[in-house]
N, C-alpha and C. Protein backbone atom coordinates (compact mmCIF):
# COMPACT_ATOMS: atom_id res chain seq x y z
N UNK A 1 10.75 23.73 -2.62
CA UNK A 1 12.09 22.76 -2.11
C UNK A 1 12.16 21.78 -3.09
N UNK A 2 11.06 20.98 -3.49
CA UNK A 2 11.12 19.83 -4.25
C UNK A 2 11.77 20.30 -5.63
N UNK A 3 11.40 21.42 -6.27
CA UNK A 3 11.89 21.60 -7.70
C UNK A 3 13.36 21.92 -7.37
N UNK A 4 13.89 22.70 -6.24
CA UNK A 4 15.21 23.04 -6.06
C UNK A 4 16.06 21.91 -5.87
N UNK A 5 15.44 20.74 -5.44
CA UNK A 5 16.18 19.60 -5.18
C UNK A 5 16.16 18.58 -6.31
N UNK A 6 15.69 18.98 -7.52
CA UNK A 6 15.58 18.20 -8.76
C UNK A 6 14.62 17.29 -8.70
N UNK A 7 13.40 17.40 -7.93
CA UNK A 7 12.48 16.41 -7.87
C UNK A 7 11.44 16.84 -8.79
N UNK A 8 11.52 17.25 -10.05
CA UNK A 8 10.46 17.85 -10.83
C UNK A 8 9.50 16.78 -11.38
N UNK A 9 9.76 15.45 -11.14
CA UNK A 9 8.93 14.30 -11.53
C UNK A 9 7.88 14.09 -10.56
N UNK A 10 8.01 14.76 -9.30
CA UNK A 10 6.85 14.58 -8.33
C UNK A 10 5.69 15.43 -8.69
N UNK A 11 4.52 14.83 -8.84
CA UNK A 11 3.41 15.63 -9.19
C UNK A 11 2.46 15.90 -7.69
N UNK A 12 2.00 16.84 -7.51
CA UNK A 12 1.09 17.35 -6.35
C UNK A 12 -0.18 17.67 -6.93
N UNK A 13 -1.28 17.01 -6.58
CA UNK A 13 -2.67 17.51 -7.03
C UNK A 13 -3.32 18.09 -6.00
N UNK A 14 -3.82 19.18 -6.10
CA UNK A 14 -4.43 19.86 -4.97
C UNK A 14 -6.06 20.08 -5.63
N UNK A 15 -6.83 19.46 -4.86
CA UNK A 15 -8.25 19.30 -5.42
C UNK A 15 -9.27 19.95 -4.66
N UNK A 16 -10.02 20.84 -5.14
CA UNK A 16 -10.92 21.40 -4.22
C UNK A 16 -11.05 22.95 -4.58
N UNK A 17 -11.74 23.82 -3.87
CA UNK A 17 -11.89 25.17 -4.06
C UNK A 17 -11.62 25.77 -2.75
N UNK A 18 -10.67 25.49 -1.96
CA UNK A 18 -10.27 26.01 -0.57
C UNK A 18 -10.01 27.55 -0.86
N UNK A 19 -10.27 28.29 0.32
CA UNK A 19 -10.12 29.76 0.19
C UNK A 19 -8.82 30.22 -0.19
N UNK A 20 -7.85 29.45 -0.22
CA UNK A 20 -6.46 29.94 -0.52
C UNK A 20 -6.01 29.46 -1.73
N UNK A 21 -6.96 28.82 -2.57
CA UNK A 21 -6.73 28.32 -3.99
C UNK A 21 -6.07 29.33 -4.88
N UNK A 22 -6.58 30.55 -5.07
CA UNK A 22 -6.35 31.44 -5.83
C UNK A 22 -4.97 32.03 -5.75
N UNK A 23 -4.55 32.19 -4.32
CA UNK A 23 -3.37 32.60 -4.07
C UNK A 23 -2.19 31.46 -4.19
N UNK A 24 -2.52 30.37 -4.03
CA UNK A 24 -1.65 29.27 -4.19
C UNK A 24 -1.34 29.08 -5.89
N UNK A 25 -2.38 29.21 -6.54
CA UNK A 25 -2.24 29.13 -7.96
C UNK A 25 -1.34 30.23 -8.51
N UNK A 26 -1.61 31.34 -8.13
CA UNK A 26 -0.62 32.49 -8.45
C UNK A 26 0.74 32.38 -7.96
N UNK A 27 1.06 31.84 -6.83
CA UNK A 27 2.34 31.61 -6.28
C UNK A 27 2.99 30.50 -7.05
N UNK A 28 2.17 29.45 -7.35
CA UNK A 28 2.79 28.49 -8.27
C UNK A 28 3.09 28.85 -9.77
N UNK A 29 2.32 29.72 -10.05
CA UNK A 29 2.69 30.22 -11.39
C UNK A 29 3.99 31.15 -11.33
N UNK A 30 4.14 31.84 -10.33
CA UNK A 30 5.23 32.83 -10.22
C UNK A 30 6.51 32.01 -10.07
N UNK A 31 6.38 30.83 -9.35
CA UNK A 31 7.59 30.18 -8.94
C UNK A 31 7.80 29.04 -10.02
N UNK A 32 6.99 29.15 -11.20
CA UNK A 32 7.10 28.26 -12.03
C UNK A 32 6.95 26.72 -11.48
N UNK A 33 6.07 26.38 -10.84
CA UNK A 33 5.83 25.11 -10.34
C UNK A 33 4.54 24.47 -10.93
N UNK A 34 3.93 25.04 -11.89
CA UNK A 34 2.72 24.49 -12.51
C UNK A 34 2.93 23.24 -13.25
N UNK A 35 4.24 22.81 -13.62
CA UNK A 35 4.39 21.51 -14.01
C UNK A 35 4.45 20.47 -12.92
N UNK A 36 4.56 20.86 -11.56
CA UNK A 36 4.55 19.83 -10.54
C UNK A 36 3.41 19.91 -9.75
N UNK A 37 2.67 21.02 -9.66
CA UNK A 37 1.25 21.10 -8.88
C UNK A 37 0.23 21.43 -9.96
N UNK A 38 -0.66 20.62 -9.78
CA UNK A 38 -1.94 20.50 -10.65
C UNK A 38 -3.09 21.10 -9.84
N UNK A 39 -3.91 21.95 -10.24
CA UNK A 39 -4.97 22.50 -9.45
C UNK A 39 -6.18 21.95 -10.16
N UNK A 40 -6.99 21.17 -9.29
CA UNK A 40 -8.15 20.49 -9.76
C UNK A 40 -9.50 21.02 -9.17
N UNK A 41 -10.51 21.21 -9.98
CA UNK A 41 -11.77 21.69 -9.12
C UNK A 41 -12.42 20.66 -8.24
N UNK A 42 -13.29 20.93 -7.33
CA UNK A 42 -13.82 19.90 -6.43
C UNK A 42 -14.25 18.63 -7.41
N UNK A 43 -13.99 17.49 -6.67
CA UNK A 43 -14.44 16.13 -7.29
C UNK A 43 -15.51 15.55 -6.51
N UNK A 44 -16.44 15.00 -7.17
CA UNK A 44 -17.50 14.31 -6.35
C UNK A 44 -17.05 13.03 -5.52
N UNK A 45 -17.50 12.97 -4.32
CA UNK A 45 -16.82 11.92 -3.39
C UNK A 45 -16.73 10.58 -4.03
N UNK A 46 -17.67 10.22 -4.89
CA UNK A 46 -17.66 8.80 -5.35
C UNK A 46 -16.46 8.71 -6.49
N UNK A 47 -16.06 9.86 -7.08
CA UNK A 47 -14.87 9.91 -8.00
C UNK A 47 -13.64 10.17 -7.30
N UNK A 48 -13.67 10.70 -6.01
CA UNK A 48 -12.49 11.04 -5.33
C UNK A 48 -11.80 9.76 -4.96
N UNK A 49 -12.38 8.59 -4.69
CA UNK A 49 -11.67 7.53 -4.29
C UNK A 49 -10.92 6.97 -5.54
N UNK A 50 -11.10 7.11 -6.71
CA UNK A 50 -10.42 6.85 -7.90
C UNK A 50 -9.20 7.77 -8.03
N UNK A 51 -9.25 8.80 -7.68
CA UNK A 51 -8.09 9.66 -7.61
C UNK A 51 -7.13 9.27 -6.59
N UNK A 52 -7.69 9.04 -5.39
CA UNK A 52 -6.82 8.60 -4.36
C UNK A 52 -6.05 7.32 -4.72
N UNK A 53 -6.71 6.29 -5.12
CA UNK A 53 -6.27 5.18 -5.38
C UNK A 53 -4.99 5.30 -6.29
N UNK A 54 -4.78 6.31 -6.99
CA UNK A 54 -3.68 6.37 -7.94
C UNK A 54 -2.51 7.38 -7.35
N UNK A 55 -2.74 7.52 -6.01
CA UNK A 55 -1.83 8.52 -5.44
C UNK A 55 -0.72 7.63 -4.59
N UNK A 56 0.48 8.17 -4.42
CA UNK A 56 1.34 7.57 -3.53
C UNK A 56 1.16 8.06 -2.07
N UNK A 57 0.61 9.30 -1.79
CA UNK A 57 0.43 9.70 -0.55
C UNK A 57 -0.84 10.78 -0.67
N UNK A 58 -1.35 11.10 0.41
CA UNK A 58 -2.54 12.00 0.72
C UNK A 58 -1.84 13.14 1.62
N UNK A 59 -2.07 14.34 1.18
CA UNK A 59 -1.44 15.51 1.94
C UNK A 59 -2.52 15.97 2.91
N UNK A 60 -2.37 16.19 4.21
CA UNK A 60 -3.34 16.74 5.00
C UNK A 60 -2.57 17.79 5.73
N UNK A 61 -2.68 18.96 5.24
CA UNK A 61 -1.99 20.14 5.71
C UNK A 61 -2.91 21.16 6.21
N UNK A 62 -2.60 21.31 7.55
CA UNK A 62 -3.62 22.32 8.25
C UNK A 62 -2.97 23.44 8.85
N UNK A 63 -3.55 24.35 9.16
CA UNK A 63 -2.74 25.54 9.88
C UNK A 63 -2.50 25.16 11.39
N UNK A 64 -1.52 25.82 11.94
CA UNK A 64 -1.01 25.45 13.24
C UNK A 64 -2.10 26.06 14.16
N UNK A 65 -3.23 25.47 14.39
CA UNK A 65 -4.21 25.82 15.49
C UNK A 65 -4.56 24.66 16.32
N UNK A 66 -4.58 25.00 17.43
CA UNK A 66 -4.94 23.84 18.53
C UNK A 66 -6.27 22.92 18.03
N UNK A 67 -7.14 23.69 17.54
CA UNK A 67 -8.50 23.02 17.37
C UNK A 67 -8.26 21.89 16.00
N UNK A 68 -7.29 21.83 15.28
CA UNK A 68 -6.94 21.00 14.25
C UNK A 68 -6.34 19.70 14.77
N UNK A 69 -5.88 19.72 16.06
CA UNK A 69 -5.21 18.53 16.68
C UNK A 69 -6.50 17.62 16.99
N UNK A 70 -7.71 17.91 17.12
CA UNK A 70 -8.82 17.33 17.50
C UNK A 70 -9.66 16.79 16.46
N UNK A 71 -9.48 17.34 15.26
CA UNK A 71 -10.32 17.21 14.17
C UNK A 71 -10.22 15.75 13.42
N UNK A 72 -11.10 15.35 12.79
CA UNK A 72 -11.18 14.28 11.81
C UNK A 72 -11.47 14.29 10.39
N UNK A 73 -10.62 15.00 9.64
CA UNK A 73 -10.86 15.31 8.19
C UNK A 73 -11.18 14.09 7.49
N UNK A 74 -12.25 14.29 6.53
CA UNK A 74 -12.66 13.28 5.59
C UNK A 74 -11.48 12.66 4.79
N UNK A 75 -10.60 13.60 4.44
CA UNK A 75 -9.74 13.12 3.64
C UNK A 75 -8.55 11.96 4.22
N UNK A 76 -8.55 12.14 5.54
CA UNK A 76 -7.97 11.18 6.24
C UNK A 76 -8.56 9.67 6.10
N UNK A 77 -9.68 9.73 6.19
CA UNK A 77 -10.53 8.42 6.18
C UNK A 77 -10.64 7.82 4.67
N UNK A 78 -10.68 8.79 3.72
CA UNK A 78 -10.50 8.35 2.45
C UNK A 78 -9.15 7.77 2.09
N UNK A 79 -8.11 8.29 2.66
CA UNK A 79 -6.66 7.82 2.45
C UNK A 79 -6.70 6.34 3.16
N UNK A 80 -7.21 6.24 4.22
CA UNK A 80 -7.26 4.88 4.83
C UNK A 80 -8.12 3.84 4.12
N UNK A 81 -9.23 4.18 3.61
CA UNK A 81 -9.97 3.46 2.78
C UNK A 81 -9.33 2.96 1.64
N UNK A 82 -8.39 3.61 0.99
CA UNK A 82 -7.80 3.41 -0.31
C UNK A 82 -6.29 2.76 0.07
N UNK A 83 -6.09 2.77 1.23
CA UNK A 83 -4.72 2.17 1.68
C UNK A 83 -3.62 3.11 1.10
N UNK A 84 -3.57 4.32 1.27
CA UNK A 84 -2.64 5.28 0.81
C UNK A 84 -2.06 5.84 2.16
N UNK A 85 -0.73 6.07 2.36
CA UNK A 85 -0.13 6.68 3.42
C UNK A 85 -0.54 8.28 3.54
N UNK A 86 -0.38 8.84 4.59
CA UNK A 86 -0.84 10.25 4.88
C UNK A 86 0.42 11.02 5.40
N UNK A 87 0.74 12.23 4.73
CA UNK A 87 1.35 13.16 5.18
C UNK A 87 0.74 14.19 5.67
N UNK A 88 0.97 14.58 7.00
CA UNK A 88 0.10 15.55 7.82
C UNK A 88 0.74 16.33 8.65
N UNK A 89 0.17 17.28 9.18
CA UNK A 89 0.80 18.34 10.00
C UNK A 89 0.05 18.56 11.36
N UNK A 90 -0.88 17.84 11.66
CA UNK A 90 -1.59 18.02 12.95
C UNK A 90 -0.90 17.43 14.08
N UNK A 91 -0.98 17.97 15.31
CA UNK A 91 -0.09 17.24 16.39
C UNK A 91 -0.92 16.53 17.42
N UNK A 92 -2.09 16.24 17.15
CA UNK A 92 -2.92 15.58 18.04
C UNK A 92 -3.14 14.02 17.98
N UNK A 93 -4.33 13.58 17.81
CA UNK A 93 -4.45 12.09 17.80
C UNK A 93 -4.16 11.46 16.59
N UNK A 94 -4.22 12.28 15.26
CA UNK A 94 -3.66 11.77 14.17
C UNK A 94 -2.13 11.53 13.95
N UNK A 95 -1.39 12.33 14.54
CA UNK A 95 0.04 12.25 14.72
C UNK A 95 0.28 10.85 15.37
N UNK A 96 -0.51 10.82 16.52
CA UNK A 96 0.03 9.50 17.28
C UNK A 96 -0.59 8.20 16.55
N UNK A 97 -1.71 8.25 15.84
CA UNK A 97 -2.19 7.06 15.15
C UNK A 97 -1.21 6.77 14.04
N UNK A 98 -0.84 7.86 13.36
CA UNK A 98 0.19 7.50 12.27
C UNK A 98 1.43 6.86 12.74
N UNK A 99 2.04 7.47 13.82
CA UNK A 99 3.12 6.97 14.46
C UNK A 99 2.98 5.44 14.81
N UNK A 100 2.06 5.37 15.53
CA UNK A 100 1.86 3.93 16.19
C UNK A 100 1.68 2.88 15.20
N UNK A 101 0.79 3.18 14.19
CA UNK A 101 0.39 2.21 13.12
C UNK A 101 1.34 2.37 11.96
N UNK A 102 2.20 3.28 11.99
CA UNK A 102 3.27 3.36 10.62
C UNK A 102 2.48 3.48 9.36
N UNK A 103 1.49 4.37 9.40
CA UNK A 103 0.63 4.49 8.07
C UNK A 103 0.75 5.81 7.35
N UNK A 104 1.95 6.56 7.93
CA UNK A 104 2.11 8.08 7.35
C UNK A 104 3.15 8.63 8.18
N UNK A 105 3.24 9.94 7.80
CA UNK A 105 4.46 10.92 8.35
C UNK A 105 3.66 12.10 8.67
N UNK A 106 4.24 12.55 9.81
CA UNK A 106 3.91 13.75 10.55
C UNK A 106 4.95 14.78 10.43
N UNK A 107 4.75 16.05 9.82
CA UNK A 107 5.66 17.16 9.88
C UNK A 107 5.20 18.14 10.85
N UNK A 108 5.95 19.09 11.16
CA UNK A 108 5.62 20.13 12.01
C UNK A 108 4.79 21.01 11.01
N UNK A 109 3.57 21.69 11.83
CA UNK A 109 2.98 22.80 11.03
C UNK A 109 3.84 24.04 10.70
N UNK A 110 3.63 24.54 9.45
CA UNK A 110 4.28 25.64 9.00
C UNK A 110 5.74 25.26 8.61
N UNK A 111 6.30 24.06 8.33
CA UNK A 111 7.47 23.72 8.01
C UNK A 111 7.51 23.09 6.69
N UNK A 112 7.67 24.02 5.61
CA UNK A 112 7.63 23.45 4.17
C UNK A 112 8.81 22.56 3.89
N UNK A 113 10.04 22.70 4.56
CA UNK A 113 11.05 21.89 4.32
C UNK A 113 10.79 20.49 4.84
N UNK A 114 10.25 20.36 6.10
CA UNK A 114 9.64 19.10 6.59
C UNK A 114 8.80 18.37 5.71
N UNK A 115 7.66 19.06 5.08
CA UNK A 115 6.77 18.73 4.24
C UNK A 115 7.41 18.23 2.91
N UNK A 116 8.39 18.84 2.45
CA UNK A 116 9.09 18.27 1.15
C UNK A 116 9.97 17.12 1.47
N UNK A 117 10.60 17.30 2.60
CA UNK A 117 11.28 15.91 2.92
C UNK A 117 10.39 14.66 3.01
N UNK A 118 9.14 14.93 3.59
CA UNK A 118 8.31 13.78 3.88
C UNK A 118 7.79 13.32 2.59
N UNK A 119 7.52 14.14 1.53
CA UNK A 119 7.02 13.67 0.07
C UNK A 119 8.15 13.15 -0.63
N UNK A 120 9.47 13.69 -0.58
CA UNK A 120 10.61 13.10 -1.14
C UNK A 120 10.83 11.85 -0.61
N UNK A 121 10.74 11.47 0.75
CA UNK A 121 10.96 10.24 1.42
C UNK A 121 10.07 9.29 0.72
N UNK A 122 8.92 9.35 0.79
CA UNK A 122 7.93 8.56 0.26
C UNK A 122 8.21 8.33 -1.27
N UNK A 123 8.37 9.22 -1.97
CA UNK A 123 8.71 9.16 -3.51
C UNK A 123 9.95 8.04 -3.83
N UNK A 124 10.99 8.21 -2.91
CA UNK A 124 12.09 7.35 -3.17
C UNK A 124 12.23 6.10 -2.29
N UNK A 125 11.26 5.91 -1.33
CA UNK A 125 11.31 4.60 -0.64
C UNK A 125 10.15 3.83 -0.83
N UNK A 126 10.07 3.06 -1.77
CA UNK A 126 8.92 2.36 -2.28
C UNK A 126 8.57 1.29 -1.36
N UNK A 127 9.47 0.70 -0.63
CA UNK A 127 9.34 -0.50 0.34
C UNK A 127 8.54 0.25 1.54
N UNK A 128 9.04 1.19 2.07
CA UNK A 128 8.39 1.98 3.28
C UNK A 128 7.01 2.49 2.90
N UNK A 129 6.88 2.78 1.68
CA UNK A 129 5.57 3.37 1.01
C UNK A 129 4.60 2.08 1.06
N UNK A 130 4.98 1.09 0.64
CA UNK A 130 4.19 -0.10 0.46
C UNK A 130 3.81 -0.44 1.67
N UNK A 131 4.69 -0.50 2.78
CA UNK A 131 4.38 -1.01 4.02
C UNK A 131 3.34 0.09 4.84
N UNK A 132 3.63 1.32 4.62
CA UNK A 132 2.66 2.29 5.11
C UNK A 132 1.39 2.11 4.44
N UNK A 133 1.24 1.86 3.15
CA UNK A 133 0.01 1.63 2.32
C UNK A 133 -0.76 0.48 3.02
N UNK A 134 -0.09 -0.57 3.16
CA UNK A 134 -0.72 -1.68 3.79
C UNK A 134 -1.16 -1.48 5.15
N UNK A 135 -0.46 -0.65 6.01
CA UNK A 135 -0.88 -0.27 7.18
C UNK A 135 -2.13 0.65 7.23
N UNK A 136 -2.07 1.55 6.24
CA UNK A 136 -3.33 2.58 6.16
C UNK A 136 -4.45 1.65 5.86
N UNK A 137 -4.51 0.80 4.93
CA UNK A 137 -5.68 -0.10 4.66
C UNK A 137 -6.17 -0.66 5.87
N UNK A 138 -5.06 -1.41 6.66
CA UNK A 138 -5.54 -2.19 7.86
C UNK A 138 -6.16 -1.16 8.79
N UNK A 139 -5.72 0.01 9.07
CA UNK A 139 -6.26 0.97 10.03
C UNK A 139 -7.72 1.21 9.57
N UNK A 140 -7.88 1.57 8.25
CA UNK A 140 -9.10 1.78 7.80
C UNK A 140 -10.13 0.65 7.95
N UNK A 141 -9.74 -0.59 7.90
CA UNK A 141 -10.63 -1.80 7.91
C UNK A 141 -10.80 -2.08 9.37
N UNK A 142 -9.93 -2.01 10.22
CA UNK A 142 -10.04 -2.26 11.66
C UNK A 142 -10.49 -1.24 12.58
N UNK A 143 -10.35 -0.13 12.30
CA UNK A 143 -10.58 1.03 13.10
C UNK A 143 -11.91 1.96 12.53
N UNK A 144 -12.02 2.07 11.39
CA UNK A 144 -12.94 3.11 10.88
C UNK A 144 -13.97 2.54 9.92
N UNK A 145 -14.08 1.31 9.73
CA UNK A 145 -15.08 0.53 9.03
C UNK A 145 -16.35 1.00 9.37
N UNK A 146 -17.28 1.59 8.62
CA UNK A 146 -18.71 2.00 8.98
C UNK A 146 -19.51 0.83 9.47
N UNK A 147 -19.33 -0.44 8.96
CA UNK A 147 -20.13 -1.42 9.56
C UNK A 147 -19.78 -1.87 10.88
N UNK A 148 -18.39 -1.82 11.14
CA UNK A 148 -17.72 -2.21 12.42
C UNK A 148 -18.16 -1.02 13.47
N UNK A 149 -18.01 0.15 13.12
CA UNK A 149 -18.37 1.31 14.06
C UNK A 149 -19.93 1.22 14.32
N UNK A 150 -20.65 0.92 13.39
CA UNK A 150 -22.25 0.93 13.51
C UNK A 150 -22.57 -0.21 14.60
N UNK A 151 -21.84 -1.29 14.31
CA UNK A 151 -22.13 -2.38 15.28
C UNK A 151 -21.69 -2.19 16.70
N UNK A 152 -20.53 -1.46 16.84
CA UNK A 152 -20.10 -1.07 18.25
C UNK A 152 -21.07 -0.12 18.77
N UNK A 153 -21.40 0.76 18.16
CA UNK A 153 -22.47 1.84 18.53
C UNK A 153 -23.75 1.19 18.98
N UNK A 154 -24.22 0.25 18.23
CA UNK A 154 -25.50 -0.42 18.48
C UNK A 154 -25.17 -1.36 19.85
N UNK A 155 -24.02 -2.18 19.88
CA UNK A 155 -23.87 -2.71 21.18
C UNK A 155 -23.78 -1.94 22.46
N UNK A 156 -23.15 -0.70 22.20
CA UNK A 156 -23.26 0.28 23.29
C UNK A 156 -24.51 0.67 23.79
N UNK A 157 -25.59 0.97 22.74
CA UNK A 157 -26.78 1.42 22.97
C UNK A 157 -27.35 0.40 23.73
N UNK A 158 -27.25 -0.80 23.18
CA UNK A 158 -27.98 -2.01 23.98
C UNK A 158 -27.50 -2.27 25.35
N UNK A 159 -26.24 -2.03 25.54
CA UNK A 159 -25.62 -2.13 26.81
C UNK A 159 -26.20 -1.18 27.83
N UNK A 160 -26.48 0.02 27.15
CA UNK A 160 -27.02 1.17 28.11
C UNK A 160 -28.39 1.08 28.10
N UNK A 161 -29.09 0.09 27.32
CA UNK A 161 -30.79 0.02 27.22
C UNK A 161 -31.16 1.26 26.75
N UNK A 162 -30.69 1.91 25.75
CA UNK A 162 -31.24 3.23 25.20
C UNK A 162 -32.24 2.93 23.90
């Protein structure tokens, strides 16, 4: 969709070796999208942060399965740590968090037009993207900081006398 809309300056990096990678590479080649979509091998966690820091958004696209509404993918927390907005498709707690904290956009699972619209929106609305970026970083620091979570857990254990 993005190419059809003339958005050929938008680059999408797909990192890793997911089970659908070969099919996606083939489809991208057939549809002449290799100029817009770059496929990268898995990147070590310590290097991944550098990649994410240079992105305008992190895509979190999962199949429309109920179980995915309850998961906590690492790439979500990587995006928060980097202060990068998330474009995602789950319909559970992540959707609610992104909406309440204004740190990303949720689209319906299996809706390529919605996904393309979200990507296009963030590409062309730098002020909203900056706001979502700041909010994403805030969420990461205030809700998911490891030191903070460890302290809360230790306090709970102390309270329970475990």
